[in-house]
Structures are given as structure tokens and as C-alpha cells.
Amino acid sequence: MRRTPRSLRVAAVAVAAALATVVGGCSSGPSDADVAWADGLCSSILTFTDAVKTQPNIDSSNPDKAIQGLSDYLGTASTAVQGSIDSMGKLGPSPIDGGDAVVTQLKSTLTSVKSSFDQARQQLQNVDTNDPSALTGALTDALSPLQQLSKLDTSGLNGNADINAAAAKAANCQKLQQTG
């Protein structure tokens, strides 16, 4: 049976929705350079959101496979987060006032997300799947940092009307808006 632990899906969706706030709102008049830059920013974020919306392969009838499926998912998600961070590093200076500050905050947020995924994955290593108590404890410990993702401070991400206007015209930002 393929199932995603509810807390993992909730955390992933919360982060994706928070990151999508960078494309909220709308005004008029962005330049082509503004739209292209915003499109690149949203493309960077999509690397992560596309990875976390994929269902992990968790076989609840086989504890070893369930742990391995969750660990693989977390590894893939962590790699995708790093890909997003790396991609943002290649955007170049923002043509939009305040854009560089948004990128800095997004990178910080995504670094926290990656740390949570890596920490959760580490918790799953060396779990004794023959001991139901140890298995339950390991899963609880692994999912705990992921539950903290919904508490990330993303308040500064959607306050830039110029970025929002450019994002409203950028194809990748439209895709990102649909994922959040």
C-alpha cells in the first residue's frame, strides 16, 4: 500500500504554499527583464515543490520497505531543495527592487527545509524494524522536524508588489501558484 504519513504531506504542502506566496498579488507594468527574472525564481522553487508533491513509496505491510521508502523520499526531497537553492544562486542580481532580499530569505527558508529533511532521514537510519516500539519512536522522531516546517517564517516573501506583478506574468510562477 502506498501511503504518505499525514504529517509529512502536511509539512510539504505547507512549505510549498508558503513559498508560493512570492507570486501572490498583482499590479501592472513589469518589464520583460522583471518577468524573466521572476520566472527564473519560480522555476527554482518548482524544483522543490515538484519533488515533495510526489508520493513516497511506503509499504505499510513491510516495515523495512516502509522505512526505506520514506528515507528515499526524504533524500530525493533534500536533493531537490539543494537544487532549488543552487538554481537561485544562478539567477543573478534582481532587476526588481527588493528581489535580492527575497532570494536571500528564500534560500534561508529552503536551507531550513533541507536541514529538516536531512535530520528526518538521519533519524531513520539504523532503526530496528523488528521492534515495534523502536519503529514507532523512530518514525515519530523522524517526522518531528518535518512538522516544524509549517512554522517557518515566510512573512516577508509576498510583500513586494513589483515581484508580484512580474510573477503574475511569468509562466513558471503560474505553475507554482497552482501547486500552493
Protein backbone atom coordinates (compact mmCIF):
# COMPACT_ATOMS: atom_id res chain seq x y z
CA MET A 1 0.00 0.00 0.00
CA ARG A 2 1.33 3.42 -0.89
CA ARG A 3 0.69 5.91 1.85
CA THR A 4 2.20 9.17 2.83
CA PRO A 5 2.36 9.92 6.52
CA ARG A 6 -0.12 12.73 7.04
CA SER A 7 2.32 14.94 8.89
CA LEU A 8 4.88 14.64 6.09
CA ARG A 9 2.37 15.61 3.42
CA VAL A 10 1.02 18.47 5.56
CA ALA A 11 4.53 19.80 6.13
CA ALA A 12 5.48 19.54 2.46
CA VAL A 13 2.27 21.23 1.33
CA ALA A 14 2.68 23.97 3.95
CA VAL A 15 6.17 24.76 2.72
CA ALA A 16 5.11 24.70 -0.92
CA ALA A 17 2.19 27.01 -0.16
CA ALA A 18 4.40 29.36 1.82
CA LEU A 19 6.91 29.54 -1.00
CA ALA A 20 4.13 30.17 -3.48
CA THR A 21 3.28 33.38 -1.60
CA VAL A 22 6.08 35.05 -3.51
CA VAL A 23 3.76 35.02 -6.53
CA GLY A 24 0.66 36.34 -4.78
CA GLY A 25 -0.92 39.63 -5.66
CA CYS A 26 -0.87 41.61 -8.82
CA SER A 27 -0.09 45.05 -10.17
CA SER A 28 0.83 46.34 -13.62
CA GLY A 29 3.76 47.26 -15.75
CA PRO A 30 6.67 44.86 -15.16
CA SER A 31 9.47 44.91 -17.74
CA ASP A 32 10.43 41.84 -19.74
CA ALA A 33 13.58 41.57 -17.61
CA ASP A 34 11.46 41.62 -14.44
CA VAL A 35 9.19 38.87 -15.77
CA ALA A 36 12.15 36.74 -16.90
CA TRP A 37 13.83 37.08 -13.52
CA ALA A 38 10.62 36.21 -11.64
CA ASP A 39 10.10 33.25 -13.98
CA GLY A 40 13.60 32.00 -13.12
CA LEU A 41 12.93 32.42 -9.42
CA CYS A 42 9.71 30.45 -9.66
CA SER A 43 11.42 27.80 -11.76
CA SER A 44 13.93 27.39 -8.94
CA ILE A 45 11.15 26.89 -6.40
CA LEU A 46 9.33 24.42 -8.68
CA THR A 47 12.33 22.09 -8.47
CA PHE A 48 11.50 21.62 -4.80
CA THR A 49 7.71 21.70 -4.94
CA ASP A 50 7.57 19.15 -7.77
CA ALA A 51 9.71 16.76 -5.72
CA VAL A 52 7.74 16.99 -2.48
CA LYS A 53 4.35 16.50 -4.09
CA THR A 54 5.46 13.09 -5.36
CA GLN A 55 4.14 10.27 -3.20
CA PRO A 56 6.79 8.30 -1.33
CA ASN A 57 6.71 4.55 -1.80
CA ILE A 58 5.70 3.39 1.66
CA ASP A 59 4.68 -0.23 2.05
CA SER A 60 2.99 -0.33 5.45
CA SER A 61 2.91 -4.12 5.38
CA ASN A 62 6.71 -4.28 5.36
CA PRO A 63 8.48 -2.10 7.96
CA ASP A 64 11.88 -2.37 6.25
CA LYS A 65 10.45 -1.23 2.93
CA ALA A 66 8.38 1.47 4.62
CA ILE A 67 11.46 2.94 6.30
CA GLN A 68 13.46 2.66 3.07
CA GLY A 69 10.64 4.28 1.06
CA LEU A 70 10.40 7.21 3.46
CA SER A 71 14.18 7.58 3.60
CA ASP A 72 14.38 7.56 -0.22
CA TYR A 73 11.65 10.19 -0.41
CA LEU A 74 13.44 12.42 2.09
CA GLY A 75 16.69 12.00 0.19
CA THR A 76 15.03 12.96 -3.09
CA ALA A 77 13.33 15.95 -1.45
CA SER A 78 16.60 17.10 0.14
CA THR A 79 18.39 16.88 -3.21
CA ALA A 80 15.58 18.86 -4.84
CA VAL A 81 15.78 21.55 -2.16
CA GLN A 82 19.51 21.87 -2.76
CA GLY A 83 18.77 22.09 -6.49
CA SER A 84 16.39 24.98 -5.79
CA ILE A 85 18.99 26.76 -3.68
CA ASP A 86 21.67 26.25 -6.33
CA SER A 87 19.35 27.44 -9.08
CA MET A 88 18.57 30.63 -7.14
CA GLY A 89 22.28 31.24 -6.88
CA LYS A 90 22.43 31.36 -10.69
CA LEU A 91 19.65 33.95 -11.09
CA GLY A 92 21.99 36.90 -10.97
CA PRO A 93 21.12 40.26 -9.48
CA SER A 94 17.45 41.08 -9.39
CA PRO A 95 16.25 43.81 -11.74
CA ILE A 96 13.42 44.35 -9.24
CA ASP A 97 13.99 46.43 -6.11
CA GLY A 98 13.92 44.11 -3.13
CA GLY A 99 14.26 40.97 -5.24
CA ASP A 100 17.69 40.08 -3.90
CA ALA A 101 16.35 40.27 -0.34
CA VAL A 102 13.52 37.89 -1.28
CA VAL A 103 16.03 35.44 -2.77
CA THR A 104 18.15 35.66 0.38
CA GLN A 105 15.12 34.87 2.55
CA LEU A 106 14.01 32.04 0.25
CA LYS A 107 17.48 30.50 0.37
CA SER A 108 17.43 30.71 4.15
CA THR A 109 13.97 29.14 4.28
CA LEU A 110 14.96 26.36 1.91
CA THR A 111 18.15 25.71 3.87
CA SER A 112 15.95 25.14 6.94
CA VAL A 113 13.72 22.83 4.92
CA LYS A 114 16.72 20.83 3.68
CA SER A 115 18.07 20.56 7.20
CA SER A 116 14.72 19.19 8.37
CA PHE A 117 14.65 16.59 5.60
CA ASP A 118 18.25 15.56 6.31
CA GLN A 119 17.59 15.37 10.04
CA ALA A 120 14.49 13.24 9.49
CA ARG A 121 16.38 10.93 7.15
CA GLN A 122 19.19 10.55 9.69
CA GLN A 123 16.63 9.53 12.33
CA LEU A 124 15.53 6.63 10.12
CA GLN A 125 18.98 5.07 9.81
CA ASN A 126 19.67 2.01 11.91
CA VAL A 127 16.06 1.62 13.02
CA ASP A 128 15.31 -1.83 14.36
CA THR A 129 12.22 -2.60 12.30
CA ASN A 130 11.66 -5.81 14.28
CA ASP A 131 10.95 -3.77 17.41
CA PRO A 132 7.55 -2.09 17.04
CA SER A 133 8.31 0.33 19.86
CA ALA A 134 11.63 1.38 18.30
CA LEU A 135 9.98 1.66 14.89
CA THR A 136 7.21 3.89 16.22
CA GLY A 137 9.69 6.02 18.11
CA ALA A 138 11.96 6.37 15.07
CA LEU A 139 9.08 7.41 12.84
CA THR A 140 7.88 9.93 15.42
CA ASP A 141 11.41 11.32 15.78
CA ALA A 142 11.89 11.44 12.00
CA LEU A 143 8.63 13.25 11.34
CA SER A 144 9.02 15.73 14.20
CA PRO A 145 11.40 18.11 12.38
CA LEU A 146 9.16 17.97 9.33
CA GLN A 147 6.19 19.12 11.37
CA GLN A 148 8.18 22.23 12.26
CA LEU A 149 8.24 23.24 8.59
CA SER A 150 4.73 24.63 8.83
CA LYS A 151 6.07 27.15 11.37
CA LEU A 152 8.68 28.68 9.04
CA ASP A 153 8.59 32.46 8.89
CA THR A 154 7.66 33.40 5.33
CA SER A 155 6.03 36.70 6.22
CA GLY A 156 8.44 38.78 4.17
CA LEU A 157 8.04 36.88 0.92
CA ASN A 158 4.83 38.29 -0.51
CA GLY A 159 5.11 41.96 0.28
CA ASN A 160 6.83 43.12 -2.90
CA ALA A 161 4.26 44.42 -5.40
CA ASP A 162 6.83 44.64 -8.21
CA ILE A 163 7.82 40.98 -7.83
CA ASN A 164 4.16 40.04 -7.60
CA ALA A 165 3.40 41.92 -10.83
CA ALA A 166 6.26 40.24 -12.66
CA ALA A 167 5.30 36.85 -11.24
CA ALA A 168 1.72 37.29 -12.42
CA LYS A 169 3.05 37.29 -15.99
CA ALA A 170 5.64 34.53 -15.61
CA ALA A 171 4.69 31.01 -16.74
CA ASN A 172 6.64 29.19 -14.02
CA CYS A 173 5.08 31.39 -11.37
CA GLN A 174 1.64 30.43 -12.61
CA LYS A 175 2.61 26.75 -12.23
CA LEU A 176 3.94 27.45 -8.76
CA GLN A 177 0.73 29.25 -7.77
CA GLN A 178 -1.23 26.14 -8.79
CA THR A 179 0.91 23.89 -6.55
CA GLY A 180 0.32 26.01 -3.41
